[in-house]
Amino acid sequence: MLVCHCKRVHCRVIRDCVREGALDADSVGARCGAGTGCGGCKPMVQKLVEREASAVSAPPPSNDVAA
């Protein structure tokens, strides 16, 4: 999904920025430009940052079988 129309930034790019260390919408903007045009997408950029950060930090599901 295209998130930032001004800079033509796709949600995949934003997720990649978070995986590479971006912690908020401003740091995503510094890396890929999202949210640095008109600013209308900045709330969506921040929401994607929060979702991706929690997905990245979540522990993988356990496959342990109780004995």
C-alpha atoms as a PDB file:
ATOM      1  CA  MET A   1       0.000   0.000   0.000  1.00  0.00           C
ATOM      2  CA  LEU A   2       1.306   3.417  -0.913  1.00  0.00           C
ATOM      3  CA  VAL A   3       1.456   5.355   2.359  1.00  0.00           C
ATOM      4  CA  CYS A   4       3.213   8.587   1.395  1.00  0.00           C
ATOM      5  CA  HIS A   5       1.901   9.921  -1.905  1.00  0.00           C
ATOM      6  CA  CYS A   6       4.181  12.978  -1.911  1.00  0.00           C
ATOM      7  CA  LYS A   7       7.354  10.894  -1.775  1.00  0.00           C
ATOM      8  CA  ARG A   8       5.846   7.671  -3.244  1.00  0.00           C
ATOM      9  CA  VAL A   9       6.773   5.500  -0.236  1.00  0.00           C
ATOM     10  CA  HIS A  10       5.194   2.053   0.132  1.00  0.00           C
ATOM     11  CA  CYS A  11       4.406   0.433   3.498  1.00  0.00           C
ATOM     12  CA  ARG A  12       7.060  -2.231   2.815  1.00  0.00           C
ATOM     13  CA  VAL A  13       9.728   0.467   2.765  1.00  0.00           C
ATOM     14  CA  ILE A  14       8.502   1.826   6.103  1.00  0.00           C
ATOM     15  CA  ARG A  15       8.549  -1.651   7.654  1.00  0.00           C
ATOM     16  CA  ASP A  16      12.096  -2.155   6.352  1.00  0.00           C
ATOM     17  CA  CYS A  17      13.148   1.147   7.952  1.00  0.00           C
ATOM     18  CA  VAL A  18      11.839  -0.054  11.322  1.00  0.00           C
ATOM     19  CA  ARG A  19      13.686  -3.374  10.972  1.00  0.00           C
ATOM     20  CA  GLU A  20      16.820  -1.354  10.250  1.00  0.00           C
ATOM     21  CA  GLY A  21      16.426   0.718  13.425  1.00  0.00           C
ATOM     22  CA  ALA A  22      13.960   3.565  12.833  1.00  0.00           C
ATOM     23  CA  LEU A  23      12.061   4.156  16.071  1.00  0.00           C
ATOM     24  CA  ASP A  24       9.479   6.782  15.076  1.00  0.00           C
ATOM     25  CA  ALA A  25       7.937   8.609  12.119  1.00  0.00           C
ATOM     26  CA  ASP A  26      10.705  11.208  12.111  1.00  0.00           C
ATOM     27  CA  SER A  27      13.470   8.620  11.829  1.00  0.00           C
ATOM     28  CA  VAL A  28      11.526   6.836   9.072  1.00  0.00           C
ATOM     29  CA  GLY A  29      11.264  10.175   7.281  1.00  0.00           C
ATOM     30  CA  ALA A  30      15.004  10.720   7.583  1.00  0.00           C
ATOM     31  CA  ARG A  31      15.640   7.292   6.034  1.00  0.00           C
ATOM     32  CA  CYS A  32      13.114   7.188   3.186  1.00  0.00           C
ATOM     33  CA  GLY A  33      11.314  10.546   3.055  1.00  0.00           C
ATOM     34  CA  ALA A  34       7.880   9.301   4.176  1.00  0.00           C
ATOM     35  CA  GLY A  35       5.985  12.037   6.008  1.00  0.00           C
ATOM     36  CA  THR A  36       8.348  14.815   4.951  1.00  0.00           C
ATOM     37  CA  GLY A  37       6.179  16.274   2.181  1.00  0.00           C
ATOM     38  CA  CYS A  38       2.768  17.581   3.214  1.00  0.00           C
ATOM     39  CA  GLY A  39       2.787  15.557   6.456  1.00  0.00           C
ATOM     40  CA  GLY A  40      -0.693  14.136   5.952  1.00  0.00           C
ATOM     41  CA  CYS A  41       0.590  10.548   6.123  1.00  0.00           C
ATOM     42  CA  LYS A  42       2.681  11.034   9.262  1.00  0.00           C
ATOM     43  CA  PRO A  43       0.054   9.531  11.621  1.00  0.00           C
ATOM     44  CA  MET A  44      -0.137   6.430   9.400  1.00  0.00           C
ATOM     45  CA  VAL A  45       3.659   6.231   9.262  1.00  0.00           C
ATOM     46  CA  GLN A  46       3.773   6.341  13.070  1.00  0.00           C
ATOM     47  CA  LYS A  47       1.100   3.639  13.316  1.00  0.00           C
ATOM     48  CA  LEU A  48       3.088   1.400  10.960  1.00  0.00           C
ATOM     49  CA  VAL A  49       6.241   2.024  12.997  1.00  0.00           C
ATOM     50  CA  GLU A  50       4.454   0.979  16.196  1.00  0.00           C
ATOM     51  CA  ARG A  51       2.947  -2.143  14.627  1.00  0.00           C
ATOM     52  CA  GLU A  52       6.192  -3.251  13.021  1.00  0.00           C
ATOM     53  CA  ALA A  53       8.227  -2.546  16.148  1.00  0.00           C
ATOM     54  CA  SER A  54       5.906  -4.704  18.241  1.00  0.00           C
ATOM     55  CA  ALA A  55       5.969  -7.471  15.605  1.00  0.00           C
ATOM     56  CA  VAL A  56       9.761  -7.398  15.473  1.00  0.00           C
ATOM     57  CA  SER A  57      10.125  -7.496  19.260  1.00  0.00           C
ATOM     58  CA  ALA A  58       7.475 -10.173  19.843  1.00  0.00           C
ATOM     59  CA  PRO A  59       8.921 -13.579  20.733  1.00  0.00           C
ATOM     60  CA  PRO A  60       8.317 -16.320  18.185  1.00  0.00           C
ATOM     61  CA  PRO A  61       5.508 -18.750  19.009  1.00  0.00           C
ATOM     62  CA  SER A  62       6.641 -21.724  21.039  1.00  0.00           C
ATOM     63  CA  ASN A  63       6.506 -25.161  19.451  1.00  0.00           C
ATOM     64  CA  ASP A  64       7.266 -26.911  22.710  1.00  0.00           C
ATOM     65  CA  VAL A  65       4.970 -29.797  23.521  1.00  0.00           C
ATOM     66  CA  ALA A  66       4.252 -30.339  27.185  1.00  0.00           C
ATOM     67  CA  ALA A  67       5.419 -33.784  28.289  1.00  0.00           C
END
